[in-house]
Amino acid sequence: NRIIKRRTLAKDAIEKGFVLKNGRPAKPASEINPGDEIQIDFAN
């Protein structure tokens, strides 16, 4: 969905806690389902 350019960068961001799925820390292999809310904490 072009939110993060590369999958490795997405994996690193998730592992470092910058991405929450439904308000909770997620893992890179977490399955995504319709209705899920994803929060991404970028620097700016």
Full PDB file with SEQRES, HELIX, SHEET, SSBOND, CRYST1, ORIGX, SCALE, CONECT and MASTER records, all heavy atoms in Angstrom:
SEQRES   1 A   44  ASN ARG ILE ILE LYS ARG ARG THR LEU ALA LYS ASP ALA          
SEQRES   2 A   44  ILE GLU LYS GLY PHE VAL LEU LYS ASN GLY ARG PRO ALA          
SEQRES   3 A   44  LYS PRO ALA SER GLU ILE ASN PRO GLY ASP GLU ILE GLN          
SEQRES   4 A   44  ILE ASP PHE ALA ASN                                          
HELIX    1 AA1 ARG A    7  GLU A   15  1                                   9    
SHEET    1 AA1 3 ARG A  24  PRO A  25  0                                        
SHEET    2 AA1 3 VAL A  19  LYS A  21 -1                                        
SHEET    3 AA1 3 ILE A  38  ILE A  40 -1                                        
CRYST1    1.000    1.000    1.000  90.00  90.00  90.00 P 1           1          
ORIGX1      1.000000  0.000000  0.000000        0.00000                         
ORIGX2      0.000000  1.000000  0.000000        0.00000                         
ORIGX3      0.000000  0.000000  1.000000        0.00000                         
SCALE1      1.000000  0.000000  0.000000        0.00000                         
SCALE2      0.000000  1.000000  0.000000        0.00000                         
SCALE3      0.000000  0.000000  1.000000        0.00000                         
ATOM      1  N   ASN A   1       0.813  -1.209   0.000  1.00  0.00           N  
ATOM      2  CA  ASN A   1       0.000   0.000   0.000  1.00  0.00           C  
ATOM      3  C   ASN A   1       0.854   1.270   0.000  1.00  0.00           C  
ATOM      4  O   ASN A   1       0.337   2.365   0.194  1.00  0.00           O  
ATOM      5  CB  ASN A   1      -0.971  -0.002   1.180  1.00  0.00           C  
ATOM      6  CG  ASN A   1      -2.160  -0.875   0.893  1.00  0.00           C  
ATOM      7  OD1 ASN A   1      -3.023  -0.506   0.106  1.00  0.00           O  
ATOM      8  ND2 ASN A   1      -2.209  -2.046   1.495  1.00  0.00           N  
ATOM      9  N   ARG A   2       2.150   1.110  -0.183  1.00  0.00           N  
ATOM     10  CA  ARG A   2       3.101   2.212  -0.318  1.00  0.00           C  
ATOM     11  C   ARG A   2       3.139   3.145   0.892  1.00  0.00           C  
ATOM     12  O   ARG A   2       3.325   4.346   0.751  1.00  0.00           O  
ATOM     13  CB  ARG A   2       2.820   2.994  -1.592  1.00  0.00           C  
ATOM     14  CG  ARG A   2       2.986   2.142  -2.815  1.00  0.00           C  
ATOM     15  CD  ARG A   2       2.830   2.948  -4.062  1.00  0.00           C  
ATOM     16  NE  ARG A   2       3.092   2.096  -5.213  1.00  0.00           N  
ATOM     17  CZ  ARG A   2       2.291   2.040  -6.261  1.00  0.00           C  
ATOM     18  NH1 ARG A   2       1.220   2.772  -6.317  1.00  0.00           N  
ATOM     19  NH2 ARG A   2       2.588   1.254  -7.265  1.00  0.00           N  
ATOM     20  N   ILE A   3       2.930   2.575   2.060  1.00  0.00           N  
ATOM     21  CA  ILE A   3       3.036   3.358   3.284  1.00  0.00           C  
ATOM     22  C   ILE A   3       4.502   3.411   3.704  1.00  0.00           C  
ATOM     23  O   ILE A   3       5.000   4.439   4.147  1.00  0.00           O  
ATOM     24  CB  ILE A   3       2.155   2.744   4.389  1.00  0.00           C  
ATOM     25  CG1 ILE A   3       0.699   2.811   3.936  1.00  0.00           C  
ATOM     26  CG2 ILE A   3       2.356   3.452   5.711  1.00  0.00           C  
ATOM     27  CD1 ILE A   3      -0.231   1.969   4.732  1.00  0.00           C  
ATOM     28  N   ILE A   4       5.192   2.284   3.543  1.00  0.00           N  
ATOM     29  CA  ILE A   4       6.631   2.200   3.777  1.00  0.00           C  
ATOM     30  C   ILE A   4       7.233   1.591   2.513  1.00  0.00           C  
ATOM     31  O   ILE A   4       6.708   0.606   1.990  1.00  0.00           O  
ATOM     32  CB  ILE A   4       6.949   1.348   5.027  1.00  0.00           C  
ATOM     33  CG1 ILE A   4       6.345   2.006   6.273  1.00  0.00           C  
ATOM     34  CG2 ILE A   4       8.457   1.181   5.188  1.00  0.00           C  
ATOM     35  CD1 ILE A   4       6.556   1.258   7.561  1.00  0.00           C  
ATOM     36  N   LYS A   5       8.328   2.184   2.024  1.00  0.00           N  
ATOM     37  CA  LYS A   5       8.870   1.820   0.705  1.00  0.00           C  
ATOM     38  C   LYS A   5       9.298   0.369   0.549  1.00  0.00           C  
ATOM     39  O   LYS A   5       9.033  -0.246  -0.471  1.00  0.00           O  
ATOM     40  CB  LYS A   5      10.073   2.699   0.356  1.00  0.00           C  
ATOM     41  CG  LYS A   5       9.711   4.000  -0.235  1.00  0.00           C  
ATOM     42  CD  LYS A   5      10.967   4.690  -0.719  1.00  0.00           C  
ATOM     43  CE  LYS A   5      10.604   5.937  -1.479  1.00  0.00           C  
ATOM     44  NZ  LYS A   5      11.768   6.576  -2.050  1.00  0.00           N  
ATOM     45  N   ARG A   6      10.002  -0.159   1.532  1.00  0.00           N  
ATOM     46  CA  ARG A   6      10.528  -1.518   1.404  1.00  0.00           C  
ATOM     47  C   ARG A   6      10.039  -2.385   2.544  1.00  0.00           C  
ATOM     48  O   ARG A   6       9.844  -1.933   3.663  1.00  0.00           O  
ATOM     49  CB  ARG A   6      12.051  -1.491   1.383  1.00  0.00           C  
ATOM     50  CG  ARG A   6      12.605  -0.784   0.164  1.00  0.00           C  
ATOM     51  CD  ARG A   6      14.091  -0.966  -0.008  1.00  0.00           C  
ATOM     52  NE  ARG A   6      14.822  -0.876   1.238  1.00  0.00           N  
ATOM     53  CZ  ARG A   6      15.843  -0.057   1.449  1.00  0.00           C  
ATOM     54  NH1 ARG A   6      16.251   0.744   0.522  1.00  0.00           N  
ATOM     55  NH2 ARG A   6      16.460  -0.067   2.607  1.00  0.00           N  
ATOM     56  N   ARG A   7       9.887  -3.665   2.246  1.00  0.00           N  
ATOM     57  CA  ARG A   7       9.402  -4.611   3.246  1.00  0.00           C  
ATOM     58  C   ARG A   7      10.377  -4.732   4.420  1.00  0.00           C  
ATOM     59  O   ARG A   7       9.941  -4.866   5.574  1.00  0.00           O  
ATOM     60  CB  ARG A   7       9.179  -5.973   2.581  1.00  0.00           C  
ATOM     61  CG  ARG A   7       8.467  -6.964   3.462  1.00  0.00           C  
ATOM     62  CD  ARG A   7       8.075  -8.167   2.650  1.00  0.00           C  
ATOM     63  NE  ARG A   7       7.559  -9.219   3.504  1.00  0.00           N  
ATOM     64  CZ  ARG A   7       7.152 -10.375   3.044  1.00  0.00           C  
ATOM     65  NH1 ARG A   7       7.181 -10.629   1.760  1.00  0.00           N  
ATOM     66  NH2 ARG A   7       6.704 -11.291   3.868  1.00  0.00           N  
ATOM     67  N   THR A   8      11.663  -4.669   4.146  1.00  0.00           N  
ATOM     68  CA  THR A   8      12.638  -4.764   5.242  1.00  0.00           C  
ATOM     69  C   THR A   8      12.525  -3.558   6.175  1.00  0.00           C  
ATOM     70  O   THR A   8      12.669  -3.708   7.393  1.00  0.00           O  
ATOM     71  CB  THR A   8      14.080  -4.882   4.718  1.00  0.00           C  
ATOM     72  OG1 THR A   8      14.350  -3.795   3.844  1.00  0.00           O  
ATOM     73  CG2 THR A   8      14.297  -6.184   3.988  1.00  0.00           C  
ATOM     74  N   LEU A   9      12.265  -2.381   5.616  1.00  0.00           N  
ATOM     75  CA  LEU A   9      12.063  -1.196   6.457  1.00  0.00           C  
ATOM     76  C   LEU A   9      10.781  -1.332   7.276  1.00  0.00           C  
ATOM     77  O   LEU A   9      10.739  -0.945   8.447  1.00  0.00           O  
ATOM     78  CB  LEU A   9      11.999   0.064   5.595  1.00  0.00           C  
ATOM     79  CG  LEU A   9      13.283   0.470   4.879  1.00  0.00           C  
ATOM     80  CD1 LEU A   9      13.036   1.696   4.002  1.00  0.00           C  
ATOM     81  CD2 LEU A   9      14.386   0.751   5.875  1.00  0.00           C  
ATOM     82  N   ALA A  10       9.734  -1.878   6.659  1.00  0.00           N  
ATOM     83  CA  ALA A  10       8.474  -2.106   7.373  1.00  0.00           C  
ATOM     84  C   ALA A  10       8.699  -3.084   8.524  1.00  0.00           C  
ATOM     85  O   ALA A  10       8.235  -2.858   9.644  1.00  0.00           O  
ATOM     86  CB  ALA A  10       7.412  -2.628   6.419  1.00  0.00           C  
ATOM     87  N   LYS A  11       9.435  -4.155   8.254  1.00  0.00           N  
ATOM     88  CA  LYS A  11       9.723  -5.166   9.285  1.00  0.00           C  
ATOM     89  C   LYS A  11      10.482  -4.535  10.451  1.00  0.00           C  
ATOM     90  O   LYS A  11      10.140  -4.762  11.611  1.00  0.00           O  
ATOM     91  CB  LYS A  11      10.532  -6.303   8.655  1.00  0.00           C  
ATOM     92  CG  LYS A  11      10.870  -7.422   9.591  1.00  0.00           C  
ATOM     93  CD  LYS A  11      11.637  -8.512   8.845  1.00  0.00           C  
ATOM     94  CE  LYS A  11      12.000  -9.650   9.738  1.00  0.00           C  
ATOM     95  NZ  LYS A  11      13.207  -9.442  10.506  1.00  0.00           N  
ATOM     96  N   ASP A  12      11.492  -3.719  10.140  1.00  0.00           N  
ATOM     97  CA  ASP A  12      12.274  -3.056  11.193  1.00  0.00           C  
ATOM     98  C   ASP A  12      11.404  -2.115  12.021  1.00  0.00           C  
ATOM     99  O   ASP A  12      11.502  -2.089  13.249  1.00  0.00           O  
ATOM    100  CB  ASP A  12      13.438  -2.273  10.589  1.00  0.00           C  
ATOM    101  CG  ASP A  12      14.536  -3.173  10.047  1.00  0.00           C  
ATOM    102  OD1 ASP A  12      14.545  -4.379  10.380  1.00  0.00           O  
ATOM    103  OD2 ASP A  12      15.389  -2.665   9.283  1.00  0.00           O  
ATOM    104  N   ALA A  13      10.556  -1.329  11.357  1.00  0.00           N  
ATOM    105  CA  ALA A  13       9.678  -0.385  12.069  1.00  0.00           C  
ATOM    106  C   ALA A  13       8.726  -1.126  12.999  1.00  0.00           C  
ATOM    107  O   ALA A  13       8.488  -0.699  14.134  1.00  0.00           O  
ATOM    108  CB  ALA A  13       8.901   0.463  11.070  1.00  0.00           C  
ATOM    109  N   ILE A  14       8.191  -2.243  12.539  1.00  0.00           N  
ATOM    110  CA  ILE A  14       7.265  -3.036  13.363  1.00  0.00           C  
ATOM    111  C   ILE A  14       7.995  -3.609  14.569  1.00  0.00           C  
ATOM    112  O   ILE A  14       7.508  -3.529  15.703  1.00  0.00           O  
ATOM    113  CB  ILE A  14       6.626  -4.158  12.517  1.00  0.00           C  
ATOM    114  CG1 ILE A  14       5.767  -3.559  11.400  1.00  0.00           C  
ATOM    115  CG2 ILE A  14       5.794  -5.082  13.400  1.00  0.00           C  
ATOM    116  CD1 ILE A  14       5.386  -4.533  10.311  1.00  0.00           C  
ATOM    117  N   GLU A  15       9.181  -4.176  14.339  1.00  0.00           N  
ATOM    118  CA  GLU A  15       9.951  -4.775  15.432  1.00  0.00           C  
ATOM    119  C   GLU A  15      10.391  -3.753  16.472  1.00  0.00           C  
ATOM    120  O   GLU A  15      10.523  -4.070  17.648  1.00  0.00           O  
ATOM    121  CB  GLU A  15      11.169  -5.517  14.873  1.00  0.00           C  
ATOM    122  CG  GLU A  15      10.795  -6.798  14.156  1.00  0.00           C  
ATOM    123  CD  GLU A  15      11.967  -7.481  13.469  1.00  0.00           C  
ATOM    124  OE1 GLU A  15      13.024  -6.834  13.295  1.00  0.00           O  
ATOM    125  OE2 GLU A  15      11.809  -8.655  13.099  1.00  0.00           O  
ATOM    126  N   LYS A  16      10.603  -2.498  16.039  1.00  0.00           N  
ATOM    127  CA  LYS A  16      11.018  -1.445  16.969  1.00  0.00           C  
ATOM    128  C   LYS A  16       9.838  -0.797  17.691  1.00  0.00           C  
ATOM    129  O   LYS A  16      10.021   0.096  18.500  1.00  0.00           O  
ATOM    130  CB  LYS A  16      11.832  -0.387  16.221  1.00  0.00           C  
ATOM    131  CG  LYS A  16      13.185  -0.906  15.795  1.00  0.00           C  
ATOM    132  CD  LYS A  16      13.965   0.116  15.015  1.00  0.00           C  
ATOM    133  CE  LYS A  16      15.307  -0.462  14.593  1.00  0.00           C  
ATOM    134  NZ  LYS A  16      16.041   0.437  13.707  1.00  0.00           N  
ATOM    135  N   GLY A  17       8.623  -1.221  17.383  1.00  0.00           N  
ATOM    136  CA  GLY A  17       7.447  -0.724  18.098  1.00  0.00           C  
ATOM    137  C   GLY A  17       6.814   0.523  17.520  1.00  0.00           C  
ATOM    138  O   GLY A  17       5.985   1.157  18.164  1.00  0.00           O  
ATOM    139  N   PHE A  18       7.174   0.901  16.296  1.00  0.00           N  
ATOM    140  CA  PHE A  18       6.618   2.097  15.669  1.00  0.00           C  
ATOM    141  C   PHE A  18       5.272   1.831  14.991  1.00  0.00           C  
ATOM    142  O   PHE A  18       4.647   2.756  14.489  1.00  0.00           O  
ATOM    143  CB  PHE A  18       7.587   2.682  14.640  1.00  0.00           C  
ATOM    144  CG  PHE A  18       8.878   3.166  15.244  1.00  0.00           C  
ATOM    145  CD1 PHE A  18      10.092   2.685  14.796  1.00  0.00           C  
ATOM    146  CD2 PHE A  18       8.875   4.105  16.263  1.00  0.00           C  
ATOM    147  CE1 PHE A  18      11.285   3.127  15.342  1.00  0.00           C  
ATOM    148  CE2 PHE A  18      10.050   4.554  16.818  1.00  0.00           C  
ATOM    149  CZ  PHE A  18      11.269   4.059  16.361  1.00  0.00           C  
ATOM    150  N   VAL A  19       4.848   0.575  14.962  1.00  0.00           N  
ATOM    151  CA  VAL A  19       3.584   0.212  14.315  1.00  0.00           C  
ATOM    152  C   VAL A  19       2.712  -0.532  15.321  1.00  0.00           C  
ATOM    153  O   VAL A  19       3.154  -1.493  15.950  1.00  0.00           O  
ATOM    154  CB  VAL A  19       3.831  -0.683  13.070  1.00  0.00           C  
ATOM    155  CG1 VAL A  19       2.516  -1.069  12.415  1.00  0.00           C  
ATOM    156  CG2 VAL A  19       4.744   0.025  12.080  1.00  0.00           C  
ATOM    157  N   LEU A  20       1.470  -0.064  15.465  1.00  0.00           N  
ATOM    158  CA  LEU A  20       0.494  -0.721  16.334  1.00  0.00           C  
ATOM    159  C   LEU A  20      -0.654  -1.248  15.486  1.00  0.00           C  
ATOM    160  O   LEU A  20      -1.079  -0.598  14.536  1.00  0.00           O  
ATOM    161  CB  LEU A  20      -0.056   0.258  17.366  1.00  0.00           C  
ATOM    162  CG  LEU A  20       0.939   0.951  18.290  1.00  0.00           C  
ATOM    163  CD1 LEU A  20       0.210   1.922  19.205  1.00  0.00           C  
ATOM    164  CD2 LEU A  20       1.722  -0.060  19.104  1.00  0.00           C  
ATOM    165  N   LYS A  21      -1.140  -2.416  15.835  1.00  0.00           N  
ATOM    166  CA  LYS A  21      -2.310  -2.994  15.169  1.00  0.00           C  
ATOM    167  C   LYS A  21      -3.421  -3.057  16.207  1.00  0.00           C  
ATOM    168  O   LYS A  21      -3.267  -3.716  17.243  1.00  0.00           O  
ATOM    169  CB  LYS A  21      -1.978  -4.383  14.637  1.00  0.00           C  
ATOM    170  CG  LYS A  21      -3.150  -5.088  13.995  1.00  0.00           C  
ATOM    171  CD  LYS A  21      -2.762  -6.493  13.551  1.00  0.00           C  
ATOM    172  CE  LYS A  21      -3.990  -7.311  13.301  1.00  0.00           C  
ATOM    173  NZ  LYS A  21      -3.708  -8.726  13.201  1.00  0.00           N  
ATOM    174  N   ASN A  22      -4.506  -2.353  15.948  1.00  0.00           N  
ATOM    175  CA  ASN A  22      -5.641  -2.289  16.872  1.00  0.00           C  
ATOM    176  C   ASN A  22      -5.201  -1.868  18.273  1.00  0.00           C  
ATOM    177  O   ASN A  22      -5.656  -2.400  19.279  1.00  0.00           O  
ATOM    178  CB  ASN A  22      -6.393  -3.619  16.903  1.00  0.00           C  
ATOM    179  CG  ASN A  22      -6.990  -3.960  15.555  1.00  0.00           C  
ATOM    180  OD1 ASN A  22      -7.456  -3.087  14.833  1.00  0.00           O  
ATOM    181  ND2 ASN A  22      -6.957  -5.230  15.197  1.00  0.00           N  
ATOM    182  N   GLY A  23      -4.254  -0.905  18.330  1.00  0.00           N  
ATOM    183  CA  GLY A  23      -3.817  -0.349  19.601  1.00  0.00           C  
ATOM    184  C   GLY A  23      -2.783  -1.153  20.351  1.00  0.00           C  
ATOM    185  O   GLY A  23      -2.397  -0.794  21.456  1.00  0.00           O  
ATOM    186  N   ARG A  24      -2.316  -2.254  19.760  1.00  0.00           N  
ATOM    187  CA  ARG A  24      -1.333  -3.104  20.434  1.00  0.00           C  
ATOM    188  C   ARG A  24      -0.094  -3.278  19.569  1.00  0.00           C  
ATOM    189  O   ARG A  24      -0.192  -3.278  18.348  1.00  0.00           O  
ATOM    190  CB  ARG A  24      -1.934  -4.481  20.706  1.00  0.00           C  
ATOM    191  CG  ARG A  24      -3.083  -4.423  21.660  1.00  0.00           C  
ATOM    192  CD  ARG A  24      -3.465  -5.809  22.071  1.00  0.00           C  
ATOM    193  NE  ARG A  24      -4.389  -5.720  23.197  1.00  0.00           N  
ATOM    194  CZ  ARG A  24      -5.371  -6.552  23.392  1.00  0.00           C  
ATOM    195  NH1 ARG A  24      -5.578  -7.539  22.565  1.00  0.00           N  
ATOM    196  NH2 ARG A  24      -6.162  -6.403  24.429  1.00  0.00           N  
ATOM    197  N   PRO A  25       1.062  -3.496  20.193  1.00  0.00           N  
ATOM    198  CA  PRO A  25       2.269  -3.765  19.399  1.00  0.00           C  
ATOM    199  C   PRO A  25       2.047  -4.995  18.518  1.00  0.00           C  
ATOM    200  O   PRO A  25       1.406  -5.956  18.926  1.00  0.00           O  
ATOM    201  CB  PRO A  25       3.344  -4.043  20.460  1.00  0.00           C  
ATOM    202  CG  PRO A  25       2.838  -3.367  21.691  1.00  0.00           C  
ATOM    203  CD  PRO A  25       1.343  -3.457  21.629  1.00  0.00           C  
ATOM    204  N   ALA A  26       2.573  -4.930  17.312  1.00  0.00           N  
ATOM    205  CA  ALA A  26       2.359  -6.009  16.350  1.00  0.00           C  
ATOM    206  C   ALA A  26       3.670  -6.704  16.027  1.00  0.00           C  
ATOM    207  O   ALA A  26       4.741  -6.271  16.448  1.00  0.00           O  
ATOM    208  CB  ALA A  26       1.752  -5.434  15.079  1.00  0.00           C  
ATOM    209  N   LYS A  27       3.561  -7.791  15.283  1.00  0.00           N  
ATOM    210  CA  LYS A  27       4.726  -8.496  14.763  1.00  0.00           C  
ATOM    211  C   LYS A  27       4.656  -8.424  13.239  1.00  0.00           C  
ATOM    212  O   LYS A  27       3.568  -8.310  12.673  1.00  0.00           O  
ATOM    213  CB  LYS A  27       4.717  -9.950  15.218  1.00  0.00           C  
ATOM    214  CG  LYS A  27       4.901 -10.080  16.721  1.00  0.00           C  
ATOM    215  CD  LYS A  27       5.022 -11.513  17.123  1.00  0.00           C  
ATOM    216  CE  LYS A  27       5.253 -11.572  18.634  1.00  0.00           C  
ATOM    217  NZ  LYS A  27       5.407 -12.936  19.106  1.00  0.00           N  
ATOM    218  N   PRO A  28       5.802  -8.484  12.560  1.00  0.00           N  
ATOM    219  CA  PRO A  28       5.797  -8.392  11.096  1.00  0.00           C  
ATOM    220  C   PRO A  28       4.906  -9.423  10.415  1.00  0.00           C  
ATOM    221  O   PRO A  28       4.295  -9.156   9.389  1.00  0.00           O  
ATOM    222  CB  PRO A  28       7.261  -8.611  10.718  1.00  0.00           C  
ATOM    223  CG  PRO A  28       8.030  -8.196  11.919  1.00  0.00           C  
ATOM    224  CD  PRO A  28       7.158  -8.557  13.091  1.00  0.00           C  
ATOM    225  N   ALA A  29       4.782 -10.606  10.992  1.00  0.00           N  
ATOM    226  CA  ALA A  29       3.986 -11.675  10.388  1.00  0.00           C  
ATOM    227  C   ALA A  29       2.514 -11.639  10.805  1.00  0.00           C  
ATOM    228  O   ALA A  29       1.751 -12.523  10.423  1.00  0.00           O  
ATOM    229  CB  ALA A  29       4.589 -13.027  10.720  1.00  0.00           C  
ATOM    230  N   SER A  30       2.106 -10.625  11.570  1.00  0.00           N  
ATOM    231  CA  SER A  30       0.705 -10.518  11.971  1.00  0.00           C  
ATOM    232  C   SER A  30      -0.185 -10.473  10.738  1.00  0.00           C  
ATOM    233  O   SER A  30       0.105  -9.769   9.785  1.00  0.00           O  
ATOM    234  CB  SER A  30       0.462  -9.235  12.776  1.00  0.00           C  
ATOM    235  OG  SER A  30       1.208  -9.224  13.946  1.00  0.00           O  
ATOM    236  N   GLU A  31      -1.283 -11.250  10.769  1.00  0.00           N  
ATOM    237  CA  GLU A  31      -2.216 -11.234   9.646  1.00  0.00           C  
ATOM    238  C   GLU A  31      -3.094  -9.997   9.709  1.00  0.00           C  
ATOM    239  O   GLU A  31      -3.544  -9.597  10.777  1.00  0.00           O  
ATOM    240  CB  GLU A  31      -3.099 -12.479   9.664  1.00  0.00           C  
ATOM    241  CG  GLU A  31      -2.403 -13.711   9.189  1.00  0.00           C  
ATOM    242  CD  GLU A  31      -3.344 -14.896   9.048  1.00  0.00           C  
ATOM    243  OE1 GLU A  31      -4.538 -14.783   9.407  1.00  0.00           O  
ATOM    244  OE2 GLU A  31      -2.878 -15.942   8.580  1.00  0.00           O  
ATOM    245  N   ILE A  32      -3.328  -9.406   8.545  1.00  0.00           N  
ATOM    246  CA  ILE A  32      -4.169  -8.218   8.430  1.00  0.00           C  
ATOM    247  C   ILE A  32      -5.550  -8.639   7.976  1.00  0.00           C  
ATOM    248  O   ILE A  32      -5.694  -9.444   7.051  1.00  0.00           O  
ATOM    249  CB  ILE A  32      -3.550  -7.234   7.407  1.00  0.00           C  
ATOM    250  CG1 ILE A  32      -2.210  -6.742   7.916  1.00  0.00           C  
ATOM    251  CG2 ILE A  32      -4.473  -6.073   7.119  1.00  0.00           C  
ATOM    252  CD1 ILE A  32      -2.273  -6.005   9.224  1.00  0.00           C  
ATOM    253  N   ASN A  33      -6.572  -8.107   8.628  1.00  0.00           N  
ATOM    254  CA  ASN A  33      -7.959  -8.390   8.276  1.00  0.00           C  
ATOM    255  C   ASN A  33      -8.707  -7.081   8.044  1.00  0.00           C  
ATOM    256  O   ASN A  33      -8.357  -6.053   8.628  1.00  0.00           O  
ATOM    257  CB  ASN A  33      -8.640  -9.162   9.414  1.00  0.00           C  
ATOM    258  CG  ASN A  33      -7.975 -10.486   9.675  1.00  0.00           C  
ATOM    259  OD1 ASN A  33      -7.888 -11.325   8.793  1.00  0.00           O  
ATOM    260  ND2 ASN A  33      -7.483 -10.670  10.893  1.00  0.00           N  
ATOM    261  N   PRO A  34      -9.739  -7.111   7.213  1.00  0.00           N  
ATOM    262  CA  PRO A  34     -10.554  -5.903   7.027  1.00  0.00           C  
ATOM    263  C   PRO A  34     -11.085  -5.406   8.371  1.00  0.00           C  
ATOM    264  O   PRO A  34     -11.472  -6.197   9.232  1.00  0.00           O  
ATOM    265  CB  PRO A  34     -11.692  -6.382   6.124  1.00  0.00           C  
ATOM    266  CG  PRO A  34     -11.110  -7.540   5.387  1.00  0.00           C  
ATOM    267  CD  PRO A  34     -10.190  -8.214   6.371  1.00  0.00           C  
ATOM    268  N   GLY A  35     -11.041  -4.097   8.565  1.00  0.00           N  
ATOM    269  CA  GLY A  35     -11.496  -3.496   9.811  1.00  0.00           C  
ATOM    270  C   GLY A  35     -10.381  -3.219  10.799  1.00  0.00           C  
ATOM    271  O   GLY A  35     -10.565  -2.464  11.748  1.00  0.00           O  
ATOM    272  N   ASP A  36      -9.208  -3.824  10.605  1.00  0.00           N  
ATOM    273  CA  ASP A  36      -8.074  -3.567  11.490  1.00  0.00           C  
ATOM    274  C   ASP A  36      -7.648  -2.109  11.372  1.00  0.00           C  
ATOM    275  O   ASP A  36      -7.707  -1.516  10.300  1.00  0.00           O  
ATOM    276  CB  ASP A  36      -6.875  -4.454  11.137  1.00  0.00           C  
ATOM    277  CG  ASP A  36      -7.036  -5.891  11.585  1.00  0.00           C  
ATOM    278  OD1 ASP A  36      -7.927  -6.176  12.416  1.00  0.00           O  
ATOM    279  OD2 ASP A  36      -6.269  -6.744  11.093  1.00  0.00           O  
ATOM    280  N   GLU A  37      -7.232  -1.548  12.503  1.00  0.00           N  
ATOM    281  CA  GLU A  37      -6.723  -0.182  12.513  1.00  0.00           C  
ATOM    282  C   GLU A  37      -5.222  -0.243  12.783  1.00  0.00           C  
ATOM    283  O   GLU A  37      -4.792  -0.847  13.758  1.00  0.00           O  
ATOM    284  CB  GLU A  37      -7.446   0.635  13.582  1.00  0.00           C  
ATOM    285  CG  GLU A  37      -7.327   2.118  13.368  1.00  0.00           C  
ATOM    286  CD  GLU A  37      -8.290   2.894  14.238  1.00  0.00           C  
ATOM    287  OE1 GLU A  37      -9.457   3.038  13.853  1.00  0.00           O  
ATOM    288  OE2 GLU A  37      -7.839   3.345  15.303  1.00  0.00           O  
ATOM    289  N   ILE A  38      -4.449   0.378  11.898  1.00  0.00           N  
ATOM    290  CA  ILE A  38      -2.992   0.354  11.981  1.00  0.00           C  
ATOM    291  C   ILE A  38      -2.498   1.770  12.255  1.00  0.00           C  
ATOM    292  O   ILE A  38      -2.884   2.705  11.571  1.00  0.00           O  
ATOM    293  CB  ILE A  38      -2.365  -0.141  10.658  1.00  0.00           C  
ATOM    294  CG1 ILE A  38      -3.018  -1.435  10.154  1.00  0.00           C  
ATOM    295  CG2 ILE A  38      -0.856  -0.279  10.789  1.00  0.00           C  
ATOM    296  CD1 ILE A  38      -2.840  -2.615  11.043  1.00  0.00           C  
ATOM    297  N   GLN A  39      -1.638   1.911  13.272  1.00  0.00           N  
ATOM    298  CA  GLN A  39      -1.033   3.207  13.578  1.00  0.00           C  
ATOM    299  C   GLN A  39       0.454   3.112  13.301  1.00  0.00           C  
ATOM    300  O   GLN A  39       1.132   2.230  13.810  1.00  0.00           O  
ATOM    301  CB  GLN A  39      -1.266   3.574  15.037  1.00  0.00           C  
ATOM    302  CG  GLN A  39      -0.587   4.876  15.431  1.00  0.00           C  
ATOM    303  CD  GLN A  39      -0.874   5.255  16.863  1.00  0.00           C  
ATOM    304  OE1 GLN A  39      -2.003   5.165  17.315  1.00  0.00           O  
ATOM    305  NE2 GLN A  39       0.155   5.674  17.576  1.00  0.00           N  
ATOM    306  N   ILE A  40       0.958   4.040  12.472  1.00  0.00           N  
ATOM    307  CA  ILE A  40       2.368   4.079  12.127  1.00  0.00           C  
ATOM    308  C   ILE A  40       2.954   5.378  12.667  1.00  0.00           C  
ATOM    309  O   ILE A  40       2.474   6.461  12.345  1.00  0.00           O  
ATOM    310  CB  ILE A  40       2.596   3.987  10.603  1.00  0.00           C  
ATOM    311  CG1 ILE A  40       1.920   2.727  10.042  1.00  0.00           C  
ATOM    312  CG2 ILE A  40       4.081   3.934  10.285  1.00  0.00           C  
ATOM    313  CD1 ILE A  40       0.631   2.996   9.364  1.00  0.00           C  
ATOM    314  N   ASP A  41       3.993   5.261  13.481  1.00  0.00           N  
ATOM    315  CA  ASP A  41       4.642   6.410  14.108  1.00  0.00           C  
ATOM    316  C   ASP A  41       5.900   6.765  13.318  1.00  0.00           C  
ATOM    317  O   ASP A  41       6.939   6.136  13.481  1.00  0.00           O  
ATOM    318  CB  ASP A  41       4.981   6.058  15.553  1.00  0.00           C  
ATOM    319  CG  ASP A  41       5.458   7.239  16.357  1.00  0.00           C  
ATOM    320  OD1 ASP A  41       5.547   8.350  15.806  1.00  0.00           O  
ATOM    321  OD2 ASP A  41       5.750   7.047  17.546  1.00  0.00           O  
ATOM    322  N   PHE A  42       5.780   7.741  12.416  1.00  0.00           N  
ATOM    323  CA  PHE A  42       6.925   8.231  11.651  1.00  0.00           C  
ATOM    324  C   PHE A  42       7.624   9.309  12.474  1.00  0.00           C  
ATOM    325  O   PHE A  42       7.097   9.770  13.472  1.00  0.00           O  
ATOM    326  CB  PHE A  42       6.466   8.836  10.314  1.00  0.00           C  
ATOM    327  CG  PHE A  42       5.881   7.834   9.354  1.00  0.00           C  
ATOM    328  CD1 PHE A  42       4.505   7.701   9.226  1.00  0.00           C  
ATOM    329  CD2 PHE A  42       6.698   7.037   8.574  1.00  0.00           C  
ATOM    330  CE1 PHE A  42       3.959   6.793   8.336  1.00  0.00           C  
ATOM    331  CE2 PHE A  42       6.168   6.125   7.679  1.00  0.00           C  
ATOM    332  CZ  PHE A  42       4.791   5.998   7.563  1.00  0.00           C  
ATOM    333  N   ALA A  43       8.795   9.742  12.033  1.00  0.00           N  
ATOM    334  CA  ALA A  43       9.550  10.770  12.762  1.00  0.00           C  
ATOM    335  C   ALA A  43       8.801  12.094  12.823  1.00  0.00           C  
ATOM    336  O   ALA A  43       8.814  12.780  13.842  1.00  0.00           O  
ATOM    337  CB  ALA A  43      10.915  10.973  12.113  1.00  0.00           C  
ATOM    338  N   ASN A  44       8.109  12.462  11.744  1.00  0.00           N  
ATOM    339  CA  ASN A  44       7.453  13.772  11.682  1.00  0.00           C  
ATOM    340  C   ASN A  44       5.927  13.730  11.734  1.00  0.00           C  
ATOM    341  O   ASN A  44       5.287  14.764  11.673  1.00  0.00           O  
ATOM    342  CB  ASN A  44       7.888  14.504  10.406  1.00  0.00           C  
ATOM    343  CG  ASN A  44       7.504  13.752   9.152  1.00  0.00           C  
ATOM    344  OD1 ASN A  44       7.150  12.577   9.205  1.00  0.00           O  
ATOM    345  ND2 ASN A  44       7.557  14.422   8.028  1.00  0.00           N  
TER     346      ASN A  44                                                      
MASTER        0    0    0    1    3    0    0    6  345    1    0    4          
END                                                                             
